[in-house]
Amino acid sequence: MIVAIGLMLVLEGIIPFLFPRHWRDTINRIARLTDGQIRFVGLVALSCGLVVLVLVHIFS
């Protein structure tokens, strides 16, 4: 689990490190979304993550 968290932090840090201006613009756009839109994006991300975990479990 600690390895997974470390990998997530590395992947999350790549975009702000390489493209800080684009990352800032994206964060500003996200801040203007409604709560419902943010929840929908979170639900989609959560669903994609669960699908990946299920697929990894099935094929390993």
PDB file of N, CA and C in Angstrom:
ATOM      1  N   MET A   1       0.823  -1.191   0.000  1.00  0.00           N
ATOM      2  CA  MET A   1       0.000   0.000   0.000  1.00  0.00           C
ATOM      3  C   MET A   1       0.871   1.261   0.000  1.00  0.00           C
ATOM      4  N   ILE A   2       1.949   1.247   0.738  1.00  0.00           N
ATOM      5  CA  ILE A   2       2.835   2.408   0.785  1.00  0.00           C
ATOM      6  C   ILE A   2       3.474   2.636  -0.583  1.00  0.00           C
ATOM      7  N   VAL A   3       3.817   1.558  -1.280  1.00  0.00           N
ATOM      8  CA  VAL A   3       4.384   1.679  -2.628  1.00  0.00           C
ATOM      9  C   VAL A   3       3.365   2.314  -3.565  1.00  0.00           C
ATOM     10  N   ALA A   4       2.094   1.913  -3.445  1.00  0.00           N
ATOM     11  CA  ALA A   4       1.043   2.480  -4.295  1.00  0.00           C
ATOM     12  C   ALA A   4       0.881   3.974  -4.023  1.00  0.00           C
ATOM     13  N   ILE A   5       0.919   4.372  -2.767  1.00  0.00           N
ATOM     14  CA  ILE A   5       0.809   5.797  -2.426  1.00  0.00           C
ATOM     15  C   ILE A   5       2.006   6.563  -2.965  1.00  0.00           C
ATOM     16  N   GLY A   6       3.188   5.995  -2.830  1.00  0.00           N
ATOM     17  CA  GLY A   6       4.390   6.639  -3.373  1.00  0.00           C
ATOM     18  C   GLY A   6       4.308   6.808  -4.877  1.00  0.00           C
ATOM     19  N   LEU A   7       3.860   5.779  -5.578  1.00  0.00           N
ATOM     20  CA  LEU A   7       3.715   5.856  -7.033  1.00  0.00           C
ATOM     21  C   LEU A   7       2.672   6.906  -7.415  1.00  0.00           C
ATOM     22  N   MET A   8       1.572   6.964  -6.679  1.00  0.00           N
ATOM     23  CA  MET A   8       0.543   7.966  -6.943  1.00  0.00           C
ATOM     24  C   MET A   8       1.123   9.380  -6.788  1.00  0.00           C
ATOM     25  N   LEU A   9       1.908   9.602  -5.744  1.00  0.00           N
ATOM     26  CA  LEU A   9       2.501  10.923  -5.526  1.00  0.00           C
ATOM     27  C   LEU A   9       3.478  11.287  -6.639  1.00  0.00           C
ATOM     28  N   VAL A  10       4.252  10.325  -7.106  1.00  0.00           N
ATOM     29  CA  VAL A  10       5.169  10.577  -8.221  1.00  0.00           C
ATOM     30  C   VAL A  10       4.380  10.970  -9.463  1.00  0.00           C
ATOM     31  N   LEU A  11       3.336  10.207  -9.775  1.00  0.00           N
ATOM     32  CA  LEU A  11       2.536  10.496 -10.958  1.00  0.00           C
ATOM     33  C   LEU A  11       1.801  11.826 -10.827  1.00  0.00           C
ATOM     34  N   GLU A  12       1.285  12.128  -9.631  1.00  0.00           N
ATOM     35  CA  GLU A  12       0.590  13.396  -9.406  1.00  0.00           C
ATOM     36  C   GLU A  12       1.549  14.587  -9.505  1.00  0.00           C
ATOM     37  N   GLY A  13       2.813  14.380  -9.223  1.00  0.00           N
ATOM     38  CA  GLY A  13       3.779  15.476  -9.237  1.00  0.00           C
ATOM     39  C   GLY A  13       4.381  15.777 -10.592  1.00  0.00           C
ATOM     40  N   ILE A  14       4.213  14.883 -11.562  1.00  0.00           N
ATOM     41  CA  ILE A  14       4.840  15.075 -12.869  1.00  0.00           C
ATOM     42  C   ILE A  14       4.303  16.315 -13.578  1.00  0.00           C
ATOM     43  N   ILE A  15       2.980  16.467 -13.639  1.00  0.00           N
ATOM     44  CA  ILE A  15       2.380  17.578 -14.394  1.00  0.00           C
ATOM     45  C   ILE A  15       2.737  18.933 -13.786  1.00  0.00           C
ATOM     46  N   PRO A  16       2.560  19.159 -12.464  1.00  0.00           N
ATOM     47  CA  PRO A  16       2.942  20.472 -11.944  1.00  0.00           C
ATOM     48  C   PRO A  16       4.437  20.757 -12.063  1.00  0.00           C
ATOM     49  N   PHE A  17       5.252  19.708 -12.039  1.00  0.00           N
ATOM     50  CA  PHE A  17       6.693  19.908 -12.180  1.00  0.00           C
ATOM     51  C   PHE A  17       7.050  20.317 -13.608  1.00  0.00           C
ATOM     52  N   LEU A  18       6.476  19.637 -14.595  1.00  0.00           N
ATOM     53  CA  LEU A  18       6.828  19.905 -15.995  1.00  0.00           C
ATOM     54  C   LEU A  18       6.064  21.077 -16.597  1.00  0.00           C
ATOM     55  N   PHE A  19       4.805  21.257 -16.196  1.00  0.00           N
ATOM     56  CA  PHE A  19       3.944  22.279 -16.806  1.00  0.00           C
ATOM     57  C   PHE A  19       3.216  23.086 -15.737  1.00  0.00           C
ATOM     58  N   PRO A  20       3.920  23.883 -14.943  1.00  0.00           N
ATOM     59  CA  PRO A  20       3.270  24.572 -13.820  1.00  0.00           C
ATOM     60  C   PRO A  20       2.183  25.566 -14.257  1.00  0.00           C
ATOM     61  N   ARG A  21       2.382  26.267 -15.346  1.00  0.00           N
ATOM     62  CA  ARG A  21       1.378  27.242 -15.786  1.00  0.00           C
ATOM     63  C   ARG A  21       0.093  26.540 -16.219  1.00  0.00           C
ATOM     64  N   HIS A  22       0.222  25.464 -16.999  1.00  0.00           N
ATOM     65  CA  HIS A  22      -0.944  24.701 -17.442  1.00  0.00           C
ATOM     66  C   HIS A  22      -1.666  24.085 -16.240  1.00  0.00           C
ATOM     67  N   TRP A  23      -0.911  23.581 -15.278  1.00  0.00           N
ATOM     68  CA  TRP A  23      -1.482  22.983 -14.079  1.00  0.00           C
ATOM     69  C   TRP A  23      -2.278  24.022 -13.297  1.00  0.00           C
ATOM     70  N   ARG A  24      -1.722  25.231 -13.134  1.00  0.00           N
ATOM     71  CA  ARG A  24      -2.404  26.309 -12.418  1.00  0.00           C
ATOM     72  C   ARG A  24      -3.706  26.696 -13.129  1.00  0.00           C
ATOM     73  N   ASP A  25      -3.660  26.808 -14.461  1.00  0.00           N
ATOM     74  CA  ASP A  25      -4.869  27.128 -15.226  1.00  0.00           C
ATOM     75  C   ASP A  25      -5.938  26.053 -15.046  1.00  0.00           C
ATOM     76  N   THR A  26      -5.510  24.804 -15.047  1.00  0.00           N
ATOM     77  CA  THR A  26      -6.451  23.693 -14.865  1.00  0.00           C
ATOM     78  C   THR A  26      -7.078  23.736 -13.476  1.00  0.00           C
ATOM     79  N   ILE A  27      -6.283  24.000 -12.457  1.00  0.00           N
ATOM     80  CA  ILE A  27      -6.802  24.091 -11.086  1.00  0.00           C
ATOM     81  C   ILE A  27      -7.807  25.235 -10.982  1.00  0.00           C
ATOM     82  N   ASN A  28      -7.524  26.369 -11.628  1.00  0.00           N
ATOM     83  CA  ASN A  28      -8.470  27.493 -11.614  1.00  0.00           C
ATOM     84  C   ASN A  28      -9.782  27.121 -12.294  1.00  0.00           C
ATOM     85  N   ARG A  29      -9.717  26.368 -13.392  1.00  0.00           N
ATOM     86  CA  ARG A  29     -10.942  25.923 -14.058  1.00  0.00           C
ATOM     87  C   ARG A  29     -11.738  24.977 -13.166  1.00  0.00           C
ATOM     88  N   ILE A  30     -11.037  24.075 -12.486  1.00  0.00           N
ATOM     89  CA  ILE A  30     -11.701  23.137 -11.578  1.00  0.00           C
ATOM     90  C   ILE A  30     -12.384  23.895 -10.445  1.00  0.00           C
ATOM     91  N   ALA A  31     -11.746  24.949  -9.945  1.00  0.00           N
ATOM     92  CA  ALA A  31     -12.308  25.723  -8.838  1.00  0.00           C
ATOM     93  C   ALA A  31     -13.624  26.392  -9.232  1.00  0.00           C
ATOM     94  N   ARG A  32     -13.845  26.615 -10.510  1.00  0.00           N
ATOM     95  CA  ARG A  32     -15.075  27.258 -10.971  1.00  0.00           C
ATOM     96  C   ARG A  32     -16.214  26.264 -11.228  1.00  0.00           C
ATOM     97  N   LEU A  33     -15.946  24.963 -11.127  1.00  0.00           N
ATOM     98  CA  LEU A  33     -16.988  23.954 -11.331  1.00  0.00           C
ATOM     99  C   LEU A  33     -17.948  23.934 -10.138  1.00  0.00           C
ATOM    100  N   THR A  34     -19.165  23.498 -10.395  1.00  0.00           N
ATOM    101  CA  THR A  34     -20.124  23.339  -9.297  1.00  0.00           C
ATOM    102  C   THR A  34     -19.791  22.072  -8.509  1.00  0.00           C
ATOM    103  N   ASP A  35     -20.391  21.968  -7.325  1.00  0.00           N
ATOM    104  CA  ASP A  35     -20.162  20.779  -6.502  1.00  0.00           C
ATOM    105  C   ASP A  35     -20.618  19.511  -7.226  1.00  0.00           C
ATOM    106  N   GLY A  36     -21.730  19.590  -7.923  1.00  0.00           N
ATOM    107  CA  GLY A  36     -22.233  18.431  -8.656  1.00  0.00           C
ATOM    108  C   GLY A  36     -21.283  17.984  -9.747  1.00  0.00           C
ATOM    109  N   GLN A  37     -20.682  18.940 -10.454  1.00  0.00           N
ATOM    110  CA  GLN A  37     -19.723  18.596 -11.507  1.00  0.00           C
ATOM    111  C   GLN A  37     -18.481  17.948 -10.915  1.00  0.00           C
ATOM    112  N   ILE A  38     -18.012  18.475  -9.796  1.00  0.00           N
ATOM    113  CA  ILE A  38     -16.828  17.905  -9.143  1.00  0.00           C
ATOM    114  C   ILE A  38     -17.134  16.496  -8.640  1.00  0.00           C
ATOM    115  N   ARG A  39     -18.333  16.305  -8.083  1.00  0.00           N
ATOM    116  CA  ARG A  39     -18.718  14.965  -7.624  1.00  0.00           C
ATOM    117  C   ARG A  39     -18.777  13.987  -8.787  1.00  0.00           C
ATOM    118  N   PHE A  40     -19.294  14.432  -9.931  1.00  0.00           N
ATOM    119  CA  PHE A  40     -19.371  13.557 -11.095  1.00  0.00           C
ATOM    120  C   PHE A  40     -17.968  13.152 -11.559  1.00  0.00           C
ATOM    121  N   VAL A  41     -17.047  14.105 -11.611  1.00  0.00           N
ATOM    122  CA  VAL A  41     -15.664  13.802 -11.997  1.00  0.00           C
ATOM    123  C   VAL A  41     -15.056  12.821 -10.995  1.00  0.00           C
ATOM    124  N   GLY A  42     -15.316  13.029  -9.712  1.00  0.00           N
ATOM    125  CA  GLY A  42     -14.820  12.112  -8.695  1.00  0.00           C
ATOM    126  C   GLY A  42     -15.394  10.721  -8.853  1.00  0.00           C
ATOM    127  N   LEU A  43     -16.690  10.633  -9.170  1.00  0.00           N
ATOM    128  CA  LEU A  43     -17.330   9.339  -9.382  1.00  0.00           C
ATOM    129  C   LEU A  43     -16.732   8.610 -10.585  1.00  0.00           C
ATOM    130  N   VAL A  44     -16.482   9.354 -11.668  1.00  0.00           N
ATOM    131  CA  VAL A  44     -15.875   8.748 -12.859  1.00  0.00           C
ATOM    132  C   VAL A  44     -14.465   8.248 -12.537  1.00  0.00           C
ATOM    133  N   ALA A  45     -13.673   9.052 -11.827  1.00  0.00           N
ATOM    134  CA  ALA A  45     -12.313   8.645 -11.461  1.00  0.00           C
ATOM    135  C   ALA A  45     -12.347   7.415 -10.556  1.00  0.00           C
ATOM    136  N   LEU A  46     -13.255   7.428  -9.579  1.00  0.00           N
ATOM    137  CA  LEU A  46     -13.384   6.294  -8.673  1.00  0.00           C
ATOM    138  C   LEU A  46     -13.783   5.035  -9.441  1.00  0.00           C
ATOM    139  N   SER A  47     -14.721   5.161 -10.358  1.00  0.00           N
ATOM    140  CA  SER A  47     -15.167   4.015 -11.159  1.00  0.00           C
ATOM    141  C   SER A  47     -14.039   3.465 -12.024  1.00  0.00           C
ATOM    142  N   CYS A  48     -13.287   4.356 -12.659  1.00  0.00           N
ATOM    143  CA  CYS A  48     -12.147   3.912 -13.484  1.00  0.00           C
ATOM    144  C   CYS A  48     -11.122   3.182 -12.630  1.00  0.00           C
ATOM    145  N   GLY A  49     -10.840   3.708 -11.448  1.00  0.00           N
ATOM    146  CA  GLY A  49      -9.895   3.059 -10.554  1.00  0.00           C
ATOM    147  C   GLY A  49     -10.357   1.670 -10.134  1.00  0.00           C
ATOM    148  N   LEU A  50     -11.655   1.543  -9.837  1.00  0.00           N
ATOM    149  CA  LEU A  50     -12.185   0.227  -9.470  1.00  0.00           C
ATOM    150  C   LEU A  50     -12.108  -0.757 -10.622  1.00  0.00           C
ATOM    151  N   VAL A  51     -12.391  -0.297 -11.832  1.00  0.00           N
ATOM    152  CA  VAL A  51     -12.293  -1.168 -13.006  1.00  0.00           C
ATOM    153  C   VAL A  51     -10.849  -1.648 -13.185  1.00  0.00           C
ATOM    154  N   VAL A  52      -9.896  -0.750 -13.037  1.00  0.00           N
ATOM    155  CA  VAL A  52      -8.482  -1.129 -13.161  1.00  0.00           C
ATOM    156  C   VAL A  52      -8.124  -2.166 -12.101  1.00  0.00           C
ATOM    157  N   LEU A  53      -8.543  -1.945 -10.862  1.00  0.00           N
ATOM    158  CA  LEU A  53      -8.234  -2.899  -9.793  1.00  0.00           C
ATOM    159  C   LEU A  53      -8.853  -4.266 -10.062  1.00  0.00           C
ATOM    160  N   VAL A  54     -10.092  -4.289 -10.533  1.00  0.00           N
ATOM    161  CA  VAL A  54     -10.749  -5.555 -10.846  1.00  0.00           C
ATOM    162  C   VAL A  54     -10.017  -6.260 -11.975  1.00  0.00           C
ATOM    163  N   LEU A  55      -9.646  -5.531 -13.017  1.00  0.00           N
ATOM    164  CA  LEU A  55      -8.931  -6.139 -14.143  1.00  0.00           C
ATOM    165  C   LEU A  55      -7.579  -6.697 -13.707  1.00  0.00           C
ATOM    166  N   VAL A  56      -6.871  -5.961 -12.878  1.00  0.00           N
ATOM    167  CA  VAL A  56      -5.572  -6.443 -12.380  1.00  0.00           C
ATOM    168  C   VAL A  56      -5.787  -7.714 -11.567  1.00  0.00           C
ATOM    169  N   HIS A  57      -6.828  -7.735 -10.760  1.00  0.00           N
ATOM    170  CA  HIS A  57      -7.103  -8.912  -9.947  1.00  0.00           C
ATOM    171  C   HIS A  57      -7.467 -10.124 -10.809  1.00  0.00           C
ATOM    172  N   ILE A  58      -8.253  -9.903 -11.847  1.00  0.00           N
ATOM    173  CA  ILE A  58      -8.677 -10.992 -12.738  1.00  0.00           C
ATOM    174  C   ILE A  58      -7.497 -11.578 -13.514  1.00  0.00           C
ATOM    175  N   PHE A  59      -6.639 -10.702 -14.022  1.00  0.00           N
ATOM    176  CA  PHE A  59      -5.569 -11.156 -14.916  1.00  0.00           C
ATOM    177  C   PHE A  59      -4.248 -11.430 -14.210  1.00  0.00           C
ATOM    178  N   SER A  60      -4.232 -11.408 -12.883  1.00  0.00           N
ATOM    179  CA  SER A  60      -2.972 -11.724 -12.192  1.00  0.00           C
ATOM    180  C   SER A  60      -3.094 -12.959 -11.351  1.00  0.00           C
TER     181      SER A  60
END
